[in-house]
PDB file of N, CA and C in Angstrom:
ATOM      1  N   MET A   1     120.942  52.391 230.782  1.00  0.00           N
ATOM      2  CA  MET A   1     119.545  52.377 230.376  1.00  0.00           C
ATOM      3  C   MET A   1     118.767  51.460 231.304  1.00  0.00           C
ATOM      4  N   ASN A   2     117.674  51.947 231.819  1.00  0.00           N
ATOM      5  CA  ASN A   2     116.836  51.187 232.725  1.00  0.00           C
ATOM      6  C   ASN A   2     115.756  50.466 231.920  1.00  0.00           C
ATOM      7  N   ASN A   3     115.790  49.145 231.900  1.00  0.00           N
ATOM      8  CA  ASN A   3     114.832  48.364 231.111  1.00  0.00           C
ATOM      9  C   ASN A   3     113.711  47.770 231.950  1.00  0.00           C
ATOM     10  N   GLU A   4     113.537  48.262 233.157  1.00  0.00           N
ATOM     11  CA  GLU A   4     112.468  47.753 234.003  1.00  0.00           C
ATOM     12  C   GLU A   4     111.114  48.258 233.515  1.00  0.00           C
ATOM     13  N   ILE A   5     110.119  47.404 233.606  1.00  0.00           N
ATOM     14  CA  ILE A   5     108.771  47.783 233.225  1.00  0.00           C
ATOM     15  C   ILE A   5     108.114  48.443 234.435  1.00  0.00           C
ATOM     16  N   PRO A   6     107.643  49.699 234.282  1.00  0.00           N
ATOM     17  CA  PRO A   6     107.029  50.376 235.430  1.00  0.00           C
ATOM     18  C   PRO A   6     105.694  49.737 235.785  1.00  0.00           C
ATOM     19  N   LYS A   7     105.370  49.760 237.065  1.00  0.00           N
ATOM     20  CA  LYS A   7     104.103  49.223 237.545  1.00  0.00           C
ATOM     21  C   LYS A   7     103.177  50.374 237.903  1.00  0.00           C
ATOM     22  N   GLY A   8     101.900  50.193 237.637  1.00  0.00           N
ATOM     23  CA  GLY A   8     100.927  51.222 237.965  1.00  0.00           C
ATOM     24  C   GLY A   8     100.758  52.225 236.847  1.00  0.00           C
ATOM     25  N   LEU A   9     100.060  53.290 237.156  1.00  0.00           N
ATOM     26  CA  LEU A   9      99.776  54.347 236.205  1.00  0.00           C
ATOM     27  C   LEU A   9     100.960  55.293 236.140  1.00  0.00           C
ATOM     28  N   VAL A  10     101.567  55.423 234.962  1.00  0.00           N
ATOM     29  CA  VAL A  10     102.764  56.242 234.810  1.00  0.00           C
ATOM     30  C   VAL A  10     102.438  57.427 233.917  1.00  0.00           C
ATOM     31  N   PHE A  11     102.598  58.629 234.447  1.00  0.00           N
ATOM     32  CA  PHE A  11     102.393  59.835 233.656  1.00  0.00           C
ATOM     33  C   PHE A  11     103.718  60.339 233.121  1.00  0.00           C
ATOM     34  N   SER A  12     104.626  60.561 234.001  1.00  0.00           N
ATOM     35  CA  SER A  12     105.919  61.100 233.633  1.00  0.00           C
ATOM     36  C   SER A  12     106.821  61.030 234.847  1.00  0.00           C
ATOM     37  N   THR A  13     108.095  61.068 234.584  1.00  0.00           N
ATOM     38  CA  THR A  13     109.043  61.091 235.695  1.00  0.00           C
ATOM     39  C   THR A  13     109.645  62.478 235.859  1.00  0.00           C
ATOM     40  N   LYS A  14     109.053  63.483 235.228  1.00  0.00           N
ATOM     41  CA  LYS A  14     109.635  64.824 235.233  1.00  0.00           C
ATOM     42  C   LYS A  14     109.554  65.495 236.599  1.00  0.00           C
ATOM     43  N   SER A  15     108.364  65.704 237.112  1.00  0.00           N
ATOM     44  CA  SER A  15     108.238  66.428 238.377  1.00  0.00           C
ATOM     45  C   SER A  15     106.938  66.054 239.072  1.00  0.00           C
ATOM     46  N   PRO A  16     106.909  66.223 240.379  1.00  0.00           N
ATOM     47  CA  PRO A  16     105.661  65.949 241.115  1.00  0.00           C
ATOM     48  C   PRO A  16     104.539  66.923 240.745  1.00  0.00           C
ATOM     49  N   GLN A  17     104.895  68.167 240.398  1.00  0.00           N
ATOM     50  CA  GLN A  17     103.871  69.141 240.008  1.00  0.00           C
ATOM     51  C   GLN A  17     103.171  68.695 238.718  1.00  0.00           C
ATOM     52  N   ARG A  18     103.944  68.141 237.784  1.00  0.00           N
ATOM     53  CA  ARG A  18     103.344  67.677 236.530  1.00  0.00           C
ATOM     54  C   ARG A  18     102.424  66.495 236.786  1.00  0.00           C
ATOM     55  N   LYS A  19     102.837  65.595 237.669  1.00  0.00           N
ATOM     56  CA  LYS A  19     101.986  64.459 238.006  1.00  0.00           C
ATOM     57  C   LYS A  19     100.678  64.928 238.634  1.00  0.00           C
ATOM     58  N   LYS A  20     100.772  65.937 239.506  1.00  0.00           N
ATOM     59  CA  LYS A  20      99.569  66.473 240.145  1.00  0.00           C
ATOM     60  C   LYS A  20      98.659  67.109 239.100  1.00  0.00           C
ATOM     61  N   ARG A  21      99.239  67.905 238.190  1.00  0.00           N
ATOM     62  CA  ARG A  21      98.434  68.522 237.130  1.00  0.00           C
ATOM     63  C   ARG A  21      97.806  67.465 236.225  1.00  0.00           C
ATOM     64  N   ALA A  22      98.541  66.391 235.945  1.00  0.00           N
ATOM     65  CA  ALA A  22      98.002  65.322 235.106  1.00  0.00           C
ATOM     66  C   ALA A  22      96.823  64.636 235.794  1.00  0.00           C
ATOM     67  N   LEU A  23      96.929  64.411 237.082  1.00  0.00           N
ATOM     68  CA  LEU A  23      95.810  63.812 237.816  1.00  0.00           C
ATOM     69  C   LEU A  23      94.601  64.732 237.829  1.00  0.00           C
ATOM     70  N   VAL A  24      94.837  66.030 237.982  1.00  0.00           N
ATOM     71  CA  VAL A  24      93.729  67.003 237.945  1.00  0.00           C
ATOM     72  C   VAL A  24      93.090  66.999 236.555  1.00  0.00           C
ATOM     73  N   LEU A  25      93.916  66.958 235.504  1.00  0.00           N
ATOM     74  CA  LEU A  25      93.393  66.925 234.139  1.00  0.00           C
ATOM     75  C   LEU A  25      92.545  65.681 233.914  1.00  0.00           C
ATOM     76  N   ILE A  26      93.028  64.538 234.339  1.00  0.00           N
ATOM     77  CA  ILE A  26      92.272  63.300 234.166  1.00  0.00           C
ATOM     78  C   ILE A  26      90.958  63.362 234.933  1.00  0.00           C
ATOM     79  N   THR A  27      90.988  63.922 236.132  1.00  0.00           N
ATOM     80  CA  THR A  27      89.764  64.064 236.922  1.00  0.00           C
ATOM     81  C   THR A  27      88.760  64.973 236.218  1.00  0.00           C
ATOM     82  N   VAL A  28      89.238  66.109 235.714  1.00  0.00           N
ATOM     83  CA  VAL A  28      88.349  67.049 235.011  1.00  0.00           C
ATOM     84  C   VAL A  28      87.760  66.393 233.764  1.00  0.00           C
ATOM     85  N   LEU A  29      88.590  65.683 232.998  1.00  0.00           N
ATOM     86  CA  LEU A  29      88.091  65.041 231.787  1.00  0.00           C
ATOM     87  C   LEU A  29      87.082  63.933 232.108  1.00  0.00           C
ATOM     88  N   CYS A  30      87.292  63.225 233.195  1.00  0.00           N
ATOM     89  CA  CYS A  30      86.319  62.201 233.610  1.00  0.00           C
ATOM     90  C   CYS A  30      84.996  62.834 234.018  1.00  0.00           C
ATOM     91  N   ILE A  31      85.057  63.936 234.741  1.00  0.00           N
ATOM     92  CA  ILE A  31      83.833  64.641 235.135  1.00  0.00           C
ATOM     93  C   ILE A  31      83.088  65.146 233.901  1.00  0.00           C
ATOM     94  N   LEU A  32      83.823  65.687 232.950  1.00  0.00           N
ATOM     95  CA  LEU A  32      83.189  66.160 231.713  1.00  0.00           C
ATOM     96  C   LEU A  32      82.571  64.996 230.944  1.00  0.00           C
ATOM     97  N   GLN A  33      83.231  63.857 230.937  1.00  0.00           N
ATOM     98  CA  GLN A  33      82.683  62.686 230.261  1.00  0.00           C
ATOM     99  C   GLN A  33      81.386  62.228 230.919  1.00  0.00           C
ATOM    100  N   VAL A  34      81.353  62.259 232.238  1.00  0.00           N
ATOM    101  CA  VAL A  34      80.141  61.862 232.959  1.00  0.00           C
ATOM    102  C   VAL A  34      78.997  62.825 232.635  1.00  0.00           C
ATOM    103  N   CYS A  35      79.318  64.089 232.373  1.00  0.00           N
ATOM    104  CA  CYS A  35      78.280  65.069 232.029  1.00  0.00           C
ATOM    105  C   CYS A  35      77.615  64.766 230.686  1.00  0.00           C
ATOM    106  N   LEU A  36      78.227  63.905 229.890  1.00  0.00           N
ATOM    107  CA  LEU A  36      77.652  63.560 228.592  1.00  0.00           C
ATOM    108  C   LEU A  36      76.798  62.295 228.630  1.00  0.00           C
ATOM    109  N   ILE A  37      76.737  61.627 229.768  1.00  0.00           N
ATOM    110  CA  ILE A  37      75.956  60.398 229.857  1.00  0.00           C
ATOM    111  C   ILE A  37      74.908  60.531 230.956  1.00  0.00           C
ATOM    112  N   TRP A  38      74.135  59.500 231.125  1.00  0.00           N
ATOM    113  CA  TRP A  38      73.105  59.479 232.141  1.00  0.00           C
ATOM    114  C   TRP A  38      73.736  59.614 233.507  1.00  0.00           C
ATOM    115  N   PRO A  39      73.209  60.319 234.440  1.00  0.00           N
ATOM    116  CA  PRO A  39      71.894  60.941 234.565  1.00  0.00           C
ATOM    117  C   PRO A  39      71.884  62.426 234.223  1.00  0.00           C
ATOM    118  N   ILE A  40      73.007  63.003 233.836  1.00  0.00           N
ATOM    119  CA  ILE A  40      73.064  64.451 233.616  1.00  0.00           C
ATOM    120  C   ILE A  40      72.551  64.838 232.232  1.00  0.00           C
ATOM    121  N   TYR A  41      72.940  64.116 231.198  1.00  0.00           N
ATOM    122  CA  TYR A  41      72.571  64.494 229.834  1.00  0.00           C
ATOM    123  C   TYR A  41      71.062  64.563 229.602  1.00  0.00           C
ATOM    124  N   PRO A  42      70.260  63.623 230.135  1.00  0.00           N
ATOM    125  CA  PRO A  42      68.810  63.726 229.895  1.00  0.00           C
ATOM    126  C   PRO A  42      68.173  65.029 230.400  1.00  0.00           C
ATOM    127  N   LEU A  43      68.821  65.701 231.332  1.00  0.00           N
ATOM    128  CA  LEU A  43      68.291  66.990 231.788  1.00  0.00           C
ATOM    129  C   LEU A  43      68.320  68.030 230.677  1.00  0.00           C
ATOM    130  N   PHE A  44      69.233  67.855 229.708  1.00  0.00           N
ATOM    131  CA  PHE A  44      69.393  68.823 228.626  1.00  0.00           C
ATOM    132  C   PHE A  44      68.954  68.261 227.276  1.00  0.00           C
ATOM    133  N   ALA A  45      68.274  67.135 227.249  1.00  0.00           N
ATOM    134  CA  ALA A  45      67.939  66.456 226.001  1.00  0.00           C
ATOM    135  C   ALA A  45      66.672  66.976 225.333  1.00  0.00           C
ATOM    136  N   SER A  46      66.091  67.993 225.846  1.00  0.00           N
ATOM    137  CA  SER A  46      64.860  68.522 225.272  1.00  0.00           C
ATOM    138  C   SER A  46      65.172  69.374 224.032  1.00  0.00           C
ATOM    139  N   PRO A  47      64.432  69.183 222.945  1.00  0.00           N
ATOM    140  CA  PRO A  47      64.671  69.997 221.748  1.00  0.00           C
ATOM    141  C   PRO A  47      64.002  71.367 221.803  1.00  0.00           C
ATOM    142  N   THR A  48      63.164  71.599 222.801  1.00  0.00           N
ATOM    143  CA  THR A  48      62.380  72.836 222.852  1.00  0.00           C
ATOM    144  C   THR A  48      63.222  74.087 223.092  1.00  0.00           C
ATOM    145  N   PRO A  49      63.997  74.213 224.162  1.00  0.00           N
ATOM    146  CA  PRO A  49      64.784  75.438 224.279  1.00  0.00           C
ATOM    147  C   PRO A  49      65.911  75.432 223.251  1.00  0.00           C
ATOM    148  N   GLN A  50      66.010  76.530 222.520  1.00  0.00           N
ATOM    149  CA  GLN A  50      67.045  76.612 221.495  1.00  0.00           C
ATOM    150  C   GLN A  50      67.968  77.786 221.780  1.00  0.00           C
ATOM    151  N   ILE A  51      69.236  77.574 221.499  1.00  0.00           N
ATOM    152  CA  ILE A  51      70.248  78.612 221.649  1.00  0.00           C
ATOM    153  C   ILE A  51      70.900  78.796 220.292  1.00  0.00           C
ATOM    154  N   LEU A  52      70.752  79.987 219.726  1.00  0.00           N
ATOM    155  CA  LEU A  52      71.255  80.297 218.389  1.00  0.00           C
ATOM    156  C   LEU A  52      70.726  79.317 217.341  1.00  0.00           C
ATOM    157  N   GLY A  53      69.515  78.838 217.529  1.00  0.00           N
ATOM    158  CA  GLY A  53      68.884  77.937 216.583  1.00  0.00           C
ATOM    159  C   GLY A  53      69.220  76.475 216.784  1.00  0.00           C
ATOM    160  N   PHE A  54      70.070  76.150 217.744  1.00  0.00           N
ATOM    161  CA  PHE A  54      70.436  74.763 218.019  1.00  0.00           C
ATOM    162  C   PHE A  54      69.702  74.275 219.257  1.00  0.00           C
ATOM    163  N   PRO A  55      69.311  73.001 219.263  1.00  0.00           N
ATOM    164  CA  PRO A  55      68.685  72.461 220.480  1.00  0.00           C
ATOM    165  C   PRO A  55      69.666  72.479 221.649  1.00  0.00           C
ATOM    166  N   LEU A  56      69.114  72.549 222.838  1.00  0.00           N
ATOM    167  CA  LEU A  56      69.943  72.632 224.033  1.00  0.00           C
ATOM    168  C   LEU A  56      70.876  71.432 224.167  1.00  0.00           C
ATOM    169  N   SER A  57      70.425  70.248 223.731  1.00  0.00           N
ATOM    170  CA  SER A  57      71.268  69.062 223.835  1.00  0.00           C
ATOM    171  C   SER A  57      72.529  69.207 222.973  1.00  0.00           C
ATOM    172  N   PHE A  58      72.406  69.782 221.803  1.00  0.00           N
ATOM    173  CA  PHE A  58      73.553  69.996 220.922  1.00  0.00           C
ATOM    174  C   PHE A  58      74.510  71.024 221.522  1.00  0.00           C
ATOM    175  N   VAL A  59      73.969  72.094 222.058  1.00  0.00           N
ATOM    176  CA  VAL A  59      74.789  73.127 222.691  1.00  0.00           C
ATOM    177  C   VAL A  59      75.518  72.550 223.906  1.00  0.00           C
ATOM    178  N   TRP A  60      74.858  71.661 224.659  1.00  0.00           N
ATOM    179  CA  TRP A  60      75.476  71.032 225.831  1.00  0.00           C
ATOM    180  C   TRP A  60      76.706  70.214 225.415  1.00  0.00           C
ATOM    181  N   VAL A  61      76.583  69.435 224.359  1.00  0.00           N
ATOM    182  CA  VAL A  61      77.707  68.615 223.881  1.00  0.00           C
ATOM    183  C   VAL A  61      78.846  69.509 223.402  1.00  0.00           C
ATOM    184  N   ILE A  62      78.529  70.559 222.672  1.00  0.00           N
ATOM    185  CA  ILE A  62      79.563  71.489 222.192  1.00  0.00           C
ATOM    186  C   ILE A  62      80.245  72.174 223.377  1.00  0.00           C
ATOM    187  N   LEU A  63      79.492  72.559 224.401  1.00  0.00           N
ATOM    188  CA  LEU A  63      80.059  73.188 225.591  1.00  0.00           C
ATOM    189  C   LEU A  63      81.038  72.252 226.294  1.00  0.00           C
ATOM    190  N   ILE A  64      80.662  70.988 226.448  1.00  0.00           N
ATOM    191  CA  ILE A  64      81.539  70.018 227.091  1.00  0.00           C
ATOM    192  C   ILE A  64      82.798  69.814 226.256  1.00  0.00           C
ATOM    193  N   LEU A  65      82.657  69.759 224.945  1.00  0.00           N
ATOM    194  CA  LEU A  65      83.808  69.607 224.052  1.00  0.00           C
ATOM    195  C   LEU A  65      84.761  70.788 224.178  1.00  0.00           C
ATOM    196  N   VAL A  66      84.226  71.992 224.227  1.00  0.00           N
ATOM    197  CA  VAL A  66      85.056  73.197 224.377  1.00  0.00           C
ATOM    198  C   VAL A  66      85.759  73.207 225.735  1.00  0.00           C
ATOM    199  N   LEU A  67      85.051  72.827 226.790  1.00  0.00           N
ATOM    200  CA  LEU A  67      85.673  72.768 228.119  1.00  0.00           C
ATOM    201  C   LEU A  67      86.790  71.727 228.177  1.00  0.00           C
ATOM    202  N   ALA A  68      86.607  70.592 227.525  1.00  0.00           N
ATOM    203  CA  ALA A  68      87.658  69.572 227.481  1.00  0.00           C
ATOM    204  C   ALA A  68      88.875  70.102 226.712  1.00  0.00           C
ATOM    205  N   PHE A  69      88.636  70.792 225.598  1.00  0.00           N
ATOM    206  CA  PHE A  69      89.732  71.362 224.829  1.00  0.00           C
ATOM    207  C   PHE A  69      90.506  72.387 225.649  1.00  0.00           C
ATOM    208  N   ILE A  70      89.794  73.254 226.358  1.00  0.00           N
ATOM    209  CA  ILE A  70      90.452  74.267 227.184  1.00  0.00           C
ATOM    210  C   ILE A  70      91.276  73.610 228.289  1.00  0.00           C
ATOM    211  N   SER A  71      90.749  72.547 228.889  1.00  0.00           N
ATOM    212  CA  SER A  71      91.487  71.845 229.951  1.00  0.00           C
ATOM    213  C   SER A  71      92.786  71.245 229.425  1.00  0.00           C
ATOM    214  N   VAL A  72      92.716  70.573 228.293  1.00  0.00           N
ATOM    215  CA  VAL A  72      93.923  69.962 227.713  1.00  0.00           C
ATOM    216  C   VAL A  72      94.897  71.042 227.265  1.00  0.00           C
ATOM    217  N   PHE A  73      94.377  72.129 226.698  1.00  0.00           N
ATOM    218  CA  PHE A  73      95.241  73.218 226.239  1.00  0.00           C
ATOM    219  C   PHE A  73      95.979  73.866 227.407  1.00  0.00           C
ATOM    220  N   LYS A  74      95.282  74.100 228.523  1.00  0.00           N
ATOM    221  CA  LYS A  74      95.930  74.678 229.707  1.00  0.00           C
ATOM    222  C   LYS A  74      97.008  73.751 230.247  1.00  0.00           C
ATOM    223  N   PHE A  75      96.725  72.445 230.285  1.00  0.00           N
ATOM    224  CA  PHE A  75      97.722  71.483 230.736  1.00  0.00           C
ATOM    225  C   PHE A  75      98.945  71.522 229.819  1.00  0.00           C
ATOM    226  N   PHE A  76      98.712  71.564 228.517  1.00  0.00           N
ATOM    227  CA  PHE A  76      99.796  71.613 227.541  1.00  0.00           C
ATOM    228  C   PHE A  76     100.640  72.873 227.714  1.00  0.00           C
ATOM    229  N   ARG A  77      99.979  74.026 227.881  1.00  0.00           N
ATOM    230  CA  ARG A  77     100.714  75.288 228.043  1.00  0.00           C
ATOM    231  C   ARG A  77     101.562  75.282 229.322  1.00  0.00           C
ATOM    232  N   LYS A  78     101.004  74.777 230.413  1.00  0.00           N
ATOM    233  CA  LYS A  78     101.777  74.691 231.671  1.00  0.00           C
ATOM    234  C   LYS A  78     102.957  73.747 231.498  1.00  0.00           C
ATOM    235  N   ASP A  79     102.775  72.679 230.746  1.00  0.00           N
ATOM    236  CA  ASP A  79     103.837  71.717 230.519  1.00  0.00           C
ATOM    237  C   ASP A  79     104.964  72.345 229.705  1.00  0.00           C
ATOM    238  N   ILE A  80     104.622  73.138 228.711  1.00  0.00           N
ATOM    239  CA  ILE A  80     105.632  73.812 227.884  1.00  0.00           C
ATOM    240  C   ILE A  80     106.403  74.823 228.720  1.00  0.00           C
ATOM    241  N   VAL A  81     105.695  75.582 229.559  1.00  0.00           N
ATOM    242  CA  VAL A  81     106.358  76.587 230.406  1.00  0.00           C
ATOM    243  C   VAL A  81     107.307  75.903 231.386  1.00  0.00           C
ATOM    244  N   GLU A  82     106.890  74.754 231.927  1.00  0.00           N
ATOM    245  CA  GLU A  82     107.727  74.035 232.882  1.00  0.00           C
ATOM    246  C   GLU A  82     108.997  73.484 232.224  1.00  0.00           C
ATOM    247  N   GLU A  83     108.898  73.060 230.968  1.00  0.00           N
ATOM    248  CA  GLU A  83     110.055  72.505 230.265  1.00  0.00           C
ATOM    249  C   GLU A  83     111.128  73.551 230.010  1.00  0.00           C
ATOM    250  N   SER A  84     110.707  74.760 229.648  1.00  0.00           N
ATOM    251  CA  SER A  84     111.698  75.783 229.275  1.00  0.00           C
ATOM    252  C   SER A  84     112.236  76.532 230.451  1.00  0.00           C
TER     253      SER A  84
END
């Protein structure tokens, strides 16, 4: 048993492809997070345009949430396929 404490950011020791996918996932999630704060969010903060009765700002947040879910789900599915 190796009791050494790893240094740096540790995702997994499984494969280099998984590490690359994890870095891509983290990058995508960071970009999506930035889309929810200044300076991008104020572009969609107007209550005037409505989509299905919801203000554009609400639809923007829901869109970012759905994109984050899809990104994590794709990463999870690729991880399951790689394991089996």
